[in-house]
Amino acid sequence: MQKFKLSKRKIHRKVAAISSIPLLITLISGTSYSFLQPLGVDAFWLIKWHTGNFGIINLQPFYSIFLGIASIISVISGIRLLQKNS
């Protein structure tokens, strides 16, 4: 049982580490755009970053799918880690 618990921790850590940077970019770009738009600043490039278009690297076709799946895995594995062993 201890080995299985260790495996869940490893999965949670790896998924959280891999998805943290894209989630942070999405959070910062969306929030910044929301603050700048009422001020009359047209920063459309923030929306491109928010959706995964980074200029030369365009990840839009699967960026939101990746973020969604990574978030679901992180939440589920985090909840399972918090549950007490019965």
PDB file of N, CA and C in Angstrom:
ATOM      1  N   MET A   1       0.828  -1.196   0.000  1.00  0.00           N
ATOM      2  CA  MET A   1       0.000   0.000   0.000  1.00  0.00           C
ATOM      3  C   MET A   1       0.870   1.257   0.000  1.00  0.00           C
ATOM      4  N   GLN A   2       2.002   1.186   0.710  1.00  0.00           N
ATOM      5  CA  GLN A   2       2.901   2.334   0.782  1.00  0.00           C
ATOM      6  C   GLN A   2       3.469   2.671  -0.600  1.00  0.00           C
ATOM      7  N   LYS A   3       3.765   1.650  -1.399  1.00  0.00           N
ATOM      8  CA  LYS A   3       4.318   1.863  -2.735  1.00  0.00           C
ATOM      9  C   LYS A   3       3.297   2.557  -3.631  1.00  0.00           C
ATOM     10  N   PHE A   4       2.020   2.177  -3.525  1.00  0.00           N
ATOM     11  CA  PHE A   4       0.958   2.791  -4.313  1.00  0.00           C
ATOM     12  C   PHE A   4       0.774   4.242  -3.920  1.00  0.00           C
ATOM     13  N   LYS A   5       0.866   4.551  -2.634  1.00  0.00           N
ATOM     14  CA  LYS A   5       0.734   5.926  -2.155  1.00  0.00           C
ATOM     15  C   LYS A   5       1.893   6.777  -2.670  1.00  0.00           C
ATOM     16  N   LEU A   6       3.088   6.228  -2.680  1.00  0.00           N
ATOM     17  CA  LEU A   6       4.248   6.928  -3.198  1.00  0.00           C
ATOM     18  C   LEU A   6       4.073   7.226  -4.684  1.00  0.00           C
ATOM     19  N   SER A   7       3.482   6.295  -5.409  1.00  0.00           N
ATOM     20  CA  SER A   7       3.239   6.470  -6.831  1.00  0.00           C
ATOM     21  C   SER A   7       2.258   7.605  -7.087  1.00  0.00           C
ATOM     22  N   LYS A   8       1.209   7.706  -6.263  1.00  0.00           N
ATOM     23  CA  LYS A   8       0.235   8.793  -6.409  1.00  0.00           C
ATOM     24  C   LYS A   8       0.902  10.134  -6.161  1.00  0.00           C
ATOM     25  N   ARG A   9       1.788  10.186  -5.196  1.00  0.00           N
ATOM     26  CA  ARG A   9       2.513  11.430  -4.917  1.00  0.00           C
ATOM     27  C   ARG A   9       3.395  11.826  -6.093  1.00  0.00           C
ATOM     28  N   LYS A  10       4.066  10.852  -6.686  1.00  0.00           N
ATOM     29  CA  LYS A  10       4.927  11.141  -7.835  1.00  0.00           C
ATOM     30  C   LYS A  10       4.116  11.662  -9.013  1.00  0.00           C
ATOM     31  N   ILE A  11       2.970  11.041  -9.263  1.00  0.00           N
ATOM     32  CA  ILE A  11       2.103  11.496 -10.360  1.00  0.00           C
ATOM     33  C   ILE A  11       1.649  12.920 -10.104  1.00  0.00           C
ATOM     34  N   HIS A  12       1.210  13.190  -8.897  1.00  0.00           N
ATOM     35  CA  HIS A  12       0.730  14.529  -8.561  1.00  0.00           C
ATOM     36  C   HIS A  12       1.846  15.571  -8.722  1.00  0.00           C
ATOM     37  N   ARG A  13       3.017  15.261  -8.242  1.00  0.00           N
ATOM     38  CA  ARG A  13       4.137  16.207  -8.336  1.00  0.00           C
ATOM     39  C   ARG A  13       4.537  16.471  -9.782  1.00  0.00           C
ATOM     40  N   LYS A  14       4.595  15.413 -10.587  1.00  0.00           N
ATOM     41  CA  LYS A  14       5.008  15.582 -11.984  1.00  0.00           C
ATOM     42  C   LYS A  14       3.982  16.384 -12.777  1.00  0.00           C
ATOM     43  N   VAL A  15       2.708  16.057 -12.606  1.00  0.00           N
ATOM     44  CA  VAL A  15       1.660  16.779 -13.336  1.00  0.00           C
ATOM     45  C   VAL A  15       1.623  18.233 -12.887  1.00  0.00           C
ATOM     46  N   ALA A  16       1.737  18.468 -11.596  1.00  0.00           N
ATOM     47  CA  ALA A  16       1.718  19.841 -11.085  1.00  0.00           C
ATOM     48  C   ALA A  16       2.922  20.630 -11.603  1.00  0.00           C
ATOM     49  N   ALA A  17       4.076  20.009 -11.638  1.00  0.00           N
ATOM     50  CA  ALA A  17       5.276  20.698 -12.121  1.00  0.00           C
ATOM     51  C   ALA A  17       5.181  21.016 -13.610  1.00  0.00           C
ATOM     52  N   ILE A  18       4.697  20.075 -14.397  1.00  0.00           N
ATOM     53  CA  ILE A  18       4.591  20.271 -15.845  1.00  0.00           C
ATOM     54  C   ILE A  18       3.544  21.316 -16.187  1.00  0.00           C
ATOM     55  N   SER A  19       2.444  21.322 -15.470  1.00  0.00           N
ATOM     56  CA  SER A  19       1.345  22.227 -15.827  1.00  0.00           C
ATOM     57  C   SER A  19       1.418  23.590 -15.137  1.00  0.00           C
ATOM     58  N   SER A  20       2.353  23.774 -14.220  1.00  0.00           N
ATOM     59  CA  SER A  20       2.384  25.035 -13.475  1.00  0.00           C
ATOM     60  C   SER A  20       2.724  26.240 -14.352  1.00  0.00           C
ATOM     61  N   ILE A  21       3.682  26.117 -15.248  1.00  0.00           N
ATOM     62  CA  ILE A  21       4.070  27.260 -16.084  1.00  0.00           C
ATOM     63  C   ILE A  21       2.961  27.645 -17.061  1.00  0.00           C
ATOM     64  N   PRO A  22       2.374  26.704 -17.816  1.00  0.00           N
ATOM     65  CA  PRO A  22       1.268  27.102 -18.693  1.00  0.00           C
ATOM     66  C   PRO A  22       0.073  27.672 -17.932  1.00  0.00           C
ATOM     67  N   LEU A  23      -0.229  27.125 -16.762  1.00  0.00           N
ATOM     68  CA  LEU A  23      -1.330  27.664 -15.966  1.00  0.00           C
ATOM     69  C   LEU A  23      -1.024  29.079 -15.484  1.00  0.00           C
ATOM     70  N   LEU A  24       0.215  29.332 -15.106  1.00  0.00           N
ATOM     71  CA  LEU A  24       0.616  30.661 -14.662  1.00  0.00           C
ATOM     72  C   LEU A  24       0.540  31.669 -15.817  1.00  0.00           C
ATOM     73  N   ILE A  25       0.986  31.264 -17.000  1.00  0.00           N
ATOM     74  CA  ILE A  25       0.893  32.131 -18.180  1.00  0.00           C
ATOM     75  C   ILE A  25      -0.563  32.458 -18.481  1.00  0.00           C
ATOM     76  N   THR A  26      -1.432  31.461 -18.428  1.00  0.00           N
ATOM     77  CA  THR A  26      -2.854  31.669 -18.695  1.00  0.00           C
ATOM     78  C   THR A  26      -3.477  32.588 -17.659  1.00  0.00           C
ATOM     79  N   LEU A  27      -3.141  32.384 -16.413  1.00  0.00           N
ATOM     80  CA  LEU A  27      -3.680  33.209 -15.338  1.00  0.00           C
ATOM     81  C   LEU A  27      -3.226  34.664 -15.467  1.00  0.00           C
ATOM     82  N   ILE A  28      -1.949  34.874 -15.673  1.00  0.00           N
ATOM     83  CA  ILE A  28      -1.415  36.238 -15.753  1.00  0.00           C
ATOM     84  C   ILE A  28      -1.902  36.962 -17.001  1.00  0.00           C
ATOM     85  N   SER A  29      -1.905  36.275 -18.145  1.00  0.00           N
ATOM     86  CA  SER A  29      -2.327  36.934 -19.384  1.00  0.00           C
ATOM     87  C   SER A  29      -3.812  37.280 -19.358  1.00  0.00           C
ATOM     88  N   GLY A  30      -4.643  36.400 -18.846  1.00  0.00           N
ATOM     89  CA  GLY A  30      -6.078  36.682 -18.768  1.00  0.00           C
ATOM     90  C   GLY A  30      -6.398  37.795 -17.797  1.00  0.00           C
ATOM     91  N   THR A  31      -5.759  37.778 -16.648  1.00  0.00           N
ATOM     92  CA  THR A  31      -5.979  38.821 -15.652  1.00  0.00           C
ATOM     93  C   THR A  31      -5.471  40.173 -16.144  1.00  0.00           C
ATOM     94  N   SER A  32      -4.288  40.179 -16.742  1.00  0.00           N
ATOM     95  CA  SER A  32      -3.725  41.430 -17.260  1.00  0.00           C
ATOM     96  C   SER A  32      -4.611  42.032 -18.347  1.00  0.00           C
ATOM     97  N   TYR A  33      -5.098  41.187 -19.243  1.00  0.00           N
ATOM     98  CA  TYR A  33      -5.970  41.687 -20.309  1.00  0.00           C
ATOM     99  C   TYR A  33      -7.250  42.280 -19.722  1.00  0.00           C
ATOM    100  N   SER A  34      -7.800  41.620 -18.720  1.00  0.00           N
ATOM    101  CA  SER A  34      -9.030  42.116 -18.082  1.00  0.00           C
ATOM    102  C   SER A  34      -8.812  43.465 -17.409  1.00  0.00           C
ATOM    103  N   PHE A  35      -7.635  43.700 -16.843  1.00  0.00           N
ATOM    104  CA  PHE A  35      -7.343  44.987 -16.216  1.00  0.00           C
ATOM    105  C   PHE A  35      -7.036  46.075 -17.239  1.00  0.00           C
ATOM    106  N   LEU A  36      -6.362  45.710 -18.329  1.00  0.00           N
ATOM    107  CA  LEU A  36      -5.939  46.699 -19.318  1.00  0.00           C
ATOM    108  C   LEU A  36      -7.069  47.138 -20.259  1.00  0.00           C
ATOM    109  N   GLN A  37      -7.995  46.245 -20.547  1.00  0.00           N
ATOM    110  CA  GLN A  37      -9.072  46.554 -21.496  1.00  0.00           C
ATOM    111  C   GLN A  37      -9.913  47.764 -21.063  1.00  0.00           C
ATOM    112  N   PRO A  38     -10.374  47.866 -19.824  1.00  0.00           N
ATOM    113  CA  PRO A  38     -11.145  49.053 -19.432  1.00  0.00           C
ATOM    114  C   PRO A  38     -10.323  50.353 -19.462  1.00  0.00           C
ATOM    115  N   LEU A  39      -9.009  50.237 -19.410  1.00  0.00           N
ATOM    116  CA  LEU A  39      -8.153  51.412 -19.464  1.00  0.00           C
ATOM    117  C   LEU A  39      -7.891  51.871 -20.896  1.00  0.00           C
ATOM    118  N   GLY A  40      -8.435  51.143 -21.858  1.00  0.00           N
ATOM    119  CA  GLY A  40      -8.263  51.497 -23.264  1.00  0.00           C
ATOM    120  C   GLY A  40      -6.990  50.963 -23.884  1.00  0.00           C
ATOM    121  N   VAL A  41      -6.285  50.093 -23.192  1.00  0.00           N
ATOM    122  CA  VAL A  41      -5.054  49.510 -23.724  1.00  0.00           C
ATOM    123  C   VAL A  41      -5.420  48.269 -24.517  1.00  0.00           C
ATOM    124  N   ASP A  42      -5.058  48.272 -25.808  1.00  0.00           N
ATOM    125  CA  ASP A  42      -5.357  47.115 -26.655  1.00  0.00           C
ATOM    126  C   ASP A  42      -4.158  46.181 -26.666  1.00  0.00           C
ATOM    127  N   ALA A  43      -4.193  45.194 -25.830  1.00  0.00           N
ATOM    128  CA  ALA A  43      -3.100  44.226 -25.727  1.00  0.00           C
ATOM    129  C   ALA A  43      -3.614  42.858 -26.187  1.00  0.00           C
ATOM    130  N   PHE A  44      -3.946  42.786 -27.477  1.00  0.00           N
ATOM    131  CA  PHE A  44      -4.517  41.552 -28.013  1.00  0.00           C
ATOM    132  C   PHE A  44      -3.534  40.386 -27.937  1.00  0.00           C
ATOM    133  N   TRP A  45      -2.241  40.713 -27.917  1.00  0.00           N
ATOM    134  CA  TRP A  45      -1.243  39.656 -27.807  1.00  0.00           C
ATOM    135  C   TRP A  45      -1.398  38.867 -26.507  1.00  0.00           C
ATOM    136  N   LEU A  46      -1.968  39.494 -25.475  1.00  0.00           N
ATOM    137  CA  LEU A  46      -2.215  38.768 -24.224  1.00  0.00           C
ATOM    138  C   LEU A  46      -3.259  37.676 -24.416  1.00  0.00           C
ATOM    139  N   ILE A  47      -4.263  37.956 -25.238  1.00  0.00           N
ATOM    140  CA  ILE A  47      -5.271  36.928 -25.526  1.00  0.00           C
ATOM    141  C   ILE A  47      -4.648  35.785 -26.315  1.00  0.00           C
ATOM    142  N   LYS A  48      -3.736  36.109 -27.211  1.00  0.00           N
ATOM    143  CA  LYS A  48      -3.044  35.052 -27.951  1.00  0.00           C
ATOM    144  C   LYS A  48      -2.258  34.166 -26.994  1.00  0.00           C
ATOM    145  N   TRP A  49      -1.540  34.784 -26.061  1.00  0.00           N
ATOM    146  CA  TRP A  49      -0.805  34.006 -25.067  1.00  0.00           C
ATOM    147  C   TRP A  49      -1.771  33.201 -24.204  1.00  0.00           C
ATOM    148  N   HIS A  50      -2.892  33.809 -23.857  1.00  0.00           N
ATOM    149  CA  HIS A  50      -3.896  33.163 -23.014  1.00  0.00           C
ATOM    150  C   HIS A  50      -4.425  31.878 -23.650  1.00  0.00           C
ATOM    151  N   THR A  51      -4.492  31.866 -24.967  1.00  0.00           N
ATOM    152  CA  THR A  51      -5.028  30.697 -25.672  1.00  0.00           C
ATOM    153  C   THR A  51      -3.953  29.774 -26.230  1.00  0.00           C
ATOM    154  N   GLY A  52      -2.667  30.086 -25.965  1.00  0.00           N
ATOM    155  CA  GLY A  52      -1.602  29.175 -26.365  1.00  0.00           C
ATOM    156  C   GLY A  52      -0.878  29.525 -27.638  1.00  0.00           C
ATOM    157  N   ASN A  53      -1.095  30.711 -28.171  1.00  0.00           N
ATOM    158  CA  ASN A  53      -0.378  31.135 -29.375  1.00  0.00           C
ATOM    159  C   ASN A  53       0.786  32.012 -28.935  1.00  0.00           C
ATOM    160  N   PHE A  54       1.996  31.460 -29.000  1.00  0.00           N
ATOM    161  CA  PHE A  54       3.183  32.163 -28.539  1.00  0.00           C
ATOM    162  C   PHE A  54       4.048  32.640 -29.698  1.00  0.00           C
ATOM    163  N   GLY A  55       3.405  33.058 -30.779  1.00  0.00           N
ATOM    164  CA  GLY A  55       4.132  33.545 -31.944  1.00  0.00           C
ATOM    165  C   GLY A  55       4.631  32.397 -32.796  1.00  0.00           C
ATOM    166  N   ILE A  56       5.911  32.103 -32.697  1.00  0.00           N
ATOM    167  CA  ILE A  56       6.510  31.018 -33.486  1.00  0.00           C
ATOM    168  C   ILE A  56       5.913  29.672 -33.093  1.00  0.00           C
ATOM    169  N   ILE A  57       5.650  29.497 -31.817  1.00  0.00           N
ATOM    170  CA  ILE A  57       5.080  28.241 -31.307  1.00  0.00           C
ATOM    171  C   ILE A  57       3.587  28.447 -31.085  1.00  0.00           C
ATOM    172  N   ASN A  58       2.771  27.780 -31.883  1.00  0.00           N
ATOM    173  CA  ASN A  58       1.325  27.899 -31.760  1.00  0.00           C
ATOM    174  C   ASN A  58       0.761  26.589 -31.212  1.00  0.00           C
ATOM    175  N   LEU A  59       0.377  26.615 -29.954  1.00  0.00           N
ATOM    176  CA  LEU A  59      -0.150  25.419 -29.291  1.00  0.00           C
ATOM    177  C   LEU A  59      -1.674  25.454 -29.150  1.00  0.00           C
ATOM    178  N   GLN A  60      -2.329  26.399 -29.819  1.00  0.00           N
ATOM    179  CA  GLN A  60      -3.770  26.586 -29.654  1.00  0.00           C
ATOM    180  C   GLN A  60      -4.613  25.329 -29.857  1.00  0.00           C
ATOM    181  N   PRO A  61      -4.286  24.459 -30.822  1.00  0.00           N
ATOM    182  CA  PRO A  61      -5.158  23.291 -31.022  1.00  0.00           C
ATOM    183  C   PRO A  61      -5.295  22.379 -29.807  1.00  0.00           C
ATOM    184  N   PHE A  62      -4.263  22.318 -28.966  1.00  0.00           N
ATOM    185  CA  PHE A  62      -4.342  21.397 -27.824  1.00  0.00           C
ATOM    186  C   PHE A  62      -3.967  22.034 -26.494  1.00  0.00           C
ATOM    187  N   TYR A  63      -3.757  23.342 -26.462  1.00  0.00           N
ATOM    188  CA  TYR A  63      -3.347  24.031 -25.242  1.00  0.00           C
ATOM    189  C   TYR A  63      -4.429  23.950 -24.162  1.00  0.00           C
ATOM    190  N   SER A  64      -5.657  24.284 -24.512  1.00  0.00           N
ATOM    191  CA  SER A  64      -6.733  24.259 -23.508  1.00  0.00           C
ATOM    192  C   SER A  64      -7.068  22.834 -23.083  1.00  0.00           C
ATOM    193  N   ILE A  65      -6.940  21.888 -23.999  1.00  0.00           N
ATOM    194  CA  ILE A  65      -7.185  20.478 -23.644  1.00  0.00           C
ATOM    195  C   ILE A  65      -6.129  20.023 -22.643  1.00  0.00           C
ATOM    196  N   PHE A  66      -4.866  20.371 -22.901  1.00  0.00           N
ATOM    197  CA  PHE A  66      -3.786  20.023 -21.982  1.00  0.00           C
ATOM    198  C   PHE A  66      -4.013  20.628 -20.599  1.00  0.00           C
ATOM    199  N   LEU A  67      -4.347  21.927 -20.580  1.00  0.00           N
ATOM    200  CA  LEU A  67      -4.571  22.596 -19.293  1.00  0.00           C
ATOM    201  C   LEU A  67      -5.748  21.977 -18.544  1.00  0.00           C
ATOM    202  N   GLY A  68      -6.804  21.641 -19.257  1.00  0.00           N
ATOM    203  CA  GLY A  68      -7.969  21.031 -18.620  1.00  0.00           C
ATOM    204  C   GLY A  68      -7.657  19.666 -18.037  1.00  0.00           C
ATOM    205  N   ILE A  69      -7.019  18.818 -18.819  1.00  0.00           N
ATOM    206  CA  ILE A  69      -6.684  17.468 -18.350  1.00  0.00           C
ATOM    207  C   ILE A  69      -5.679  17.532 -17.195  1.00  0.00           C
ATOM    208  N   ALA A  70      -4.677  18.393 -17.324  1.00  0.00           N
ATOM    209  CA  ALA A  70      -3.683  18.526 -16.253  1.00  0.00           C
ATOM    210  C   ALA A  70      -4.325  19.038 -14.967  1.00  0.00           C
ATOM    211  N   SER A  71      -5.256  19.970 -15.088  1.00  0.00           N
ATOM    212  CA  SER A  71      -5.944  20.488 -13.898  1.00  0.00           C
ATOM    213  C   SER A  71      -6.791  19.406 -13.242  1.00  0.00           C
ATOM    214  N   ILE A  72      -7.508  18.650 -14.042  1.00  0.00           N
ATOM    215  CA  ILE A  72      -8.349  17.569 -13.501  1.00  0.00           C
ATOM    216  C   ILE A  72      -7.489  16.527 -12.792  1.00  0.00           C
ATOM    217  N   ILE A  73      -6.389  16.126 -13.422  1.00  0.00           N
ATOM    218  CA  ILE A  73      -5.500  15.133 -12.800  1.00  0.00           C
ATOM    219  C   ILE A  73      -4.919  15.680 -11.499  1.00  0.00           C
ATOM    220  N   SER A  74      -4.510  16.945 -11.497  1.00  0.00           N
ATOM    221  CA  SER A  74      -3.940  17.543 -10.282  1.00  0.00           C
ATOM    222  C   SER A  74      -4.958  17.604  -9.156  1.00  0.00           C
ATOM    223  N   VAL A  75      -6.178  18.000  -9.477  1.00  0.00           N
ATOM    224  CA  VAL A  75      -7.217  18.096  -8.446  1.00  0.00           C
ATOM    225  C   VAL A  75      -7.567  16.711  -7.901  1.00  0.00           C
ATOM    226  N   ILE A  76      -7.776  15.762  -8.779  1.00  0.00           N
ATOM    227  CA  ILE A  76      -8.157  14.414  -8.333  1.00  0.00           C
ATOM    228  C   ILE A  76      -7.029  13.777  -7.517  1.00  0.00           C
ATOM    229  N   SER A  77      -5.796  13.875  -8.009  1.00  0.00           N
ATOM    230  CA  SER A  77      -4.690  13.265  -7.262  1.00  0.00           C
ATOM    231  C   SER A  77      -4.443  13.997  -5.948  1.00  0.00           C
ATOM    232  N   GLY A  78      -4.649  15.311  -5.926  1.00  0.00           N
ATOM    233  CA  GLY A  78      -4.508  16.063  -4.680  1.00  0.00           C
ATOM    234  C   GLY A  78      -5.554  15.677  -3.653  1.00  0.00           C
ATOM    235  N   ILE A  79      -6.789  15.512  -4.100  1.00  0.00           N
ATOM    236  CA  ILE A  79      -7.864  15.087  -3.193  1.00  0.00           C
ATOM    237  C   ILE A  79      -7.578  13.702  -2.641  1.00  0.00           C
ATOM    238  N   ARG A  80      -7.112  12.820  -3.505  1.00  0.00           N
ATOM    239  CA  ARG A  80      -6.817  11.454  -3.054  1.00  0.00           C
ATOM    240  C   ARG A  80      -5.665  11.435  -2.051  1.00  0.00           C
ATOM    241  N   LEU A  81      -4.719  12.326  -2.236  1.00  0.00           N
ATOM    242  CA  LEU A  81      -3.610  12.399  -1.265  1.00  0.00           C
ATOM    243  C   LEU A  81      -4.090  12.904   0.087  1.00  0.00           C
ATOM    244  N   LEU A  82      -5.095  13.741   0.073  1.00  0.00           N
ATOM    245  CA  LEU A  82      -5.618  14.300   1.329  1.00  0.00           C
ATOM    246  C   LEU A  82      -6.511  13.307   2.092  1.00  0.00           C
ATOM    247  N   GLN A  83      -7.092  12.367   1.373  1.00  0.00           N
ATOM    248  CA  GLN A  83      -7.970  11.402   2.018  1.00  0.00           C
ATOM    249  C   GLN A  83      -7.176  10.488   2.948  1.00  0.00           C
ATOM    250  N   LYS A  84      -7.765  10.184   4.056  1.00  0.00           N
ATOM    251  CA  LYS A  84      -7.117   9.281   5.005  1.00  0.00           C
ATOM    252  C   LYS A  84      -7.266   7.847   4.533  1.00  0.00           C
ATOM    253  N   ASN A  85      -6.278   7.031   4.839  1.00  0.00           N
ATOM    254  CA  ASN A  85      -6.381   5.601   4.517  1.00  0.00           C
ATOM    255  C   ASN A  85      -7.408   4.961   5.436  1.00  0.00           C
ATOM    256  N   SER A  86      -8.334   4.246   4.840  1.00  0.00           N
ATOM    257  CA  SER A  86      -9.372   3.584   5.635  1.00  0.00           C
ATOM    258  C   SER A  86      -9.020   2.160   5.913  1.00  0.00           C
TER     259      SER A  86
END
